[in-house]
N, C-alpha and C. Protein backbone atom coordinates (compact mmCIF):
# COMPACT_ATOMS: atom_id res chain seq x y z
N MET A 1 8.16 -4.15 11.04
CA MET A 1 8.35 -3.84 9.77
C MET A 1 8.29 -2.25 9.64
N HIS A 2 7.50 -1.60 10.52
CA HIS A 2 7.32 0.03 10.43
C HIS A 2 8.56 0.44 10.75
N LYS A 3 9.42 0.08 11.71
CA LYS A 3 10.76 0.68 12.11
C LYS A 3 11.74 0.62 10.80
N GLN A 4 11.56 -0.57 10.11
CA GLN A 4 12.41 -0.44 9.02
C GLN A 4 12.13 0.47 8.00
N LYS A 5 10.53 0.77 7.63
CA LYS A 5 10.53 1.76 6.89
C LYS A 5 10.70 3.02 7.43
N ILE A 6 10.79 3.45 8.85
CA ILE A 6 11.12 4.57 9.25
C ILE A 6 12.73 4.75 9.15
N ASP A 7 13.40 3.67 9.35
CA ASP A 7 14.88 3.65 8.84
C ASP A 7 14.98 4.09 7.44
N MET A 8 14.10 3.77 6.46
CA MET A 8 14.40 4.15 4.99
C MET A 8 13.92 5.33 4.82
N SER A 9 13.20 6.14 5.65
CA SER A 9 12.60 7.37 5.31
C SER A 9 13.40 8.68 5.85
N ASP A 10 13.12 9.61 5.17
CA ASP A 10 13.60 11.18 5.69
C ASP A 10 12.85 11.77 6.38
N GLU A 11 11.29 11.25 6.56
CA GLU A 11 10.40 12.20 7.42
C GLU A 11 9.22 11.08 7.77
N ILE A 12 8.65 11.27 8.82
CA ILE A 12 7.36 10.75 9.19
C ILE A 12 6.30 11.76 9.21
N TYR A 13 5.06 11.21 8.78
CA TYR A 13 3.96 12.07 8.87
C TYR A 13 2.85 11.23 9.48
N VAL A 14 2.24 12.21 10.54
CA VAL A 14 1.51 11.30 11.50
C VAL A 14 0.33 11.98 11.28
N ILE A 15 -0.67 10.97 10.99
CA ILE A 15 -2.08 11.26 10.95
C ILE A 15 -2.67 11.17 12.19
N ASN A 16 -2.97 12.49 12.92
CA ASN A 16 -3.47 12.63 14.22
C ASN A 16 -4.64 13.38 14.19
N ILE A 17 -5.72 12.76 13.71
CA ILE A 17 -6.93 13.53 13.52
C ILE A 17 -7.65 13.64 14.86
N GLY A 18 -8.17 14.74 15.28
CA GLY A 18 -8.64 14.94 16.61
C GLY A 18 -7.69 15.14 17.63
N GLY A 19 -6.35 14.88 17.17
CA GLY A 19 -5.21 14.97 18.07
C GLY A 19 -4.93 13.43 18.82
N TYR A 20 -5.58 12.57 18.15
CA TYR A 20 -5.25 11.22 18.77
C TYR A 20 -4.12 10.56 18.31
N ILE A 21 -3.25 10.19 19.05
CA ILE A 21 -2.14 9.25 18.75
C ILE A 21 -2.13 8.05 19.42
N GLY A 22 -2.22 7.03 18.78
CA GLY A 22 -2.26 5.49 19.53
C GLY A 22 -0.80 5.37 20.08
N GLU A 23 -0.94 4.18 21.09
CA GLU A 23 0.10 3.87 21.57
C GLU A 23 1.32 3.44 20.75
N SER A 24 0.78 2.56 19.72
CA SER A 24 1.88 1.98 18.81
C SER A 24 2.64 3.31 18.01
N THR A 25 1.79 4.10 17.68
CA THR A 25 2.32 5.32 16.89
C THR A 25 3.09 6.14 17.66
N LYS A 26 2.92 6.27 19.05
CA LYS A 26 3.68 7.11 20.09
C LYS A 26 5.16 6.39 19.98
N THR A 27 5.13 4.98 20.06
CA THR A 27 6.33 4.30 19.94
C THR A 27 7.14 4.44 18.72
N GLU A 28 6.36 4.41 17.53
CA GLU A 28 6.96 4.74 16.46
C GLU A 28 7.67 6.25 16.23
N ILE A 29 6.97 7.08 16.65
CA ILE A 29 7.45 8.64 16.86
C ILE A 29 8.54 8.72 17.74
N GLU A 30 8.69 7.99 18.77
CA GLU A 30 9.98 7.94 19.73
C GLU A 30 11.14 7.28 19.05
N TYR A 31 10.75 6.31 18.20
CA TYR A 31 11.83 5.78 17.63
C TYR A 31 12.34 6.59 16.41
N ALA A 32 11.44 7.27 15.78
CA ALA A 32 11.78 8.01 14.66
C ALA A 32 12.86 9.15 15.15
N LYS A 33 12.41 9.71 16.54
CA LYS A 33 13.24 10.77 16.94
C LYS A 33 14.63 10.39 17.34
N THR A 34 14.69 8.99 17.58
CA THR A 34 16.02 8.58 18.07
C THR A 34 16.97 8.45 16.73
N LYS A 35 16.27 8.50 15.74
CA LYS A 35 17.01 8.27 14.55
C LYS A 35 17.15 9.67 13.48
N GLY A 36 16.96 10.76 14.44
CA GLY A 36 16.83 11.93 13.90
C GLY A 36 16.03 12.20 12.55
N LYS A 37 14.98 11.69 12.38
CA LYS A 37 14.08 11.95 11.31
C LYS A 37 12.91 12.98 11.67
N LYS A 38 12.82 13.91 10.62
CA LYS A 38 11.75 15.13 10.62
C LYS A 38 10.41 14.33 11.08
N ILE A 39 9.62 14.70 11.92
CA ILE A 39 8.43 14.52 12.11
C ILE A 39 7.26 15.43 11.91
N SER A 40 6.52 15.17 11.01
CA SER A 40 5.27 16.29 10.92
C SER A 40 3.78 15.72 11.14
N TYR A 41 2.88 16.56 11.63
CA TYR A 41 1.65 16.04 11.94
C TYR A 41 0.59 16.69 11.43
N ILE A 42 -0.53 16.03 10.85
CA ILE A 42 -1.59 16.59 10.31
C ILE A 42 -2.28 17.77 11.04
N GLU A 43 -2.20 17.34 12.35
CA GLU A 43 -2.68 18.68 13.26
C GLU A 43 -1.86 18.74 14.35
N SER A 44 -1.69 20.16 14.65
CA SER A 44 -0.74 20.65 15.57
C SER A 44 -0.81 19.84 16.94
N ILE A 45 0.25 19.65 17.62
CA ILE A 45 0.12 18.87 19.02
C ILE A 45 -0.06 20.12 20.16
N LYS A 46 -0.68 19.75 21.15
CA LYS A 46 -0.85 20.52 22.35
C LYS A 46 0.08 20.16 23.29
């Protein structure tokens, strides 16, 4: 279902408190990248 929501969106916003990104979220980020979606993060990525 998350991939369908990514397909419908223009952008995804990642809530990565303390820099943590879980495995399923990483998969969803990679999927969004393949679809050309803009990806924003609450905290900068190192």
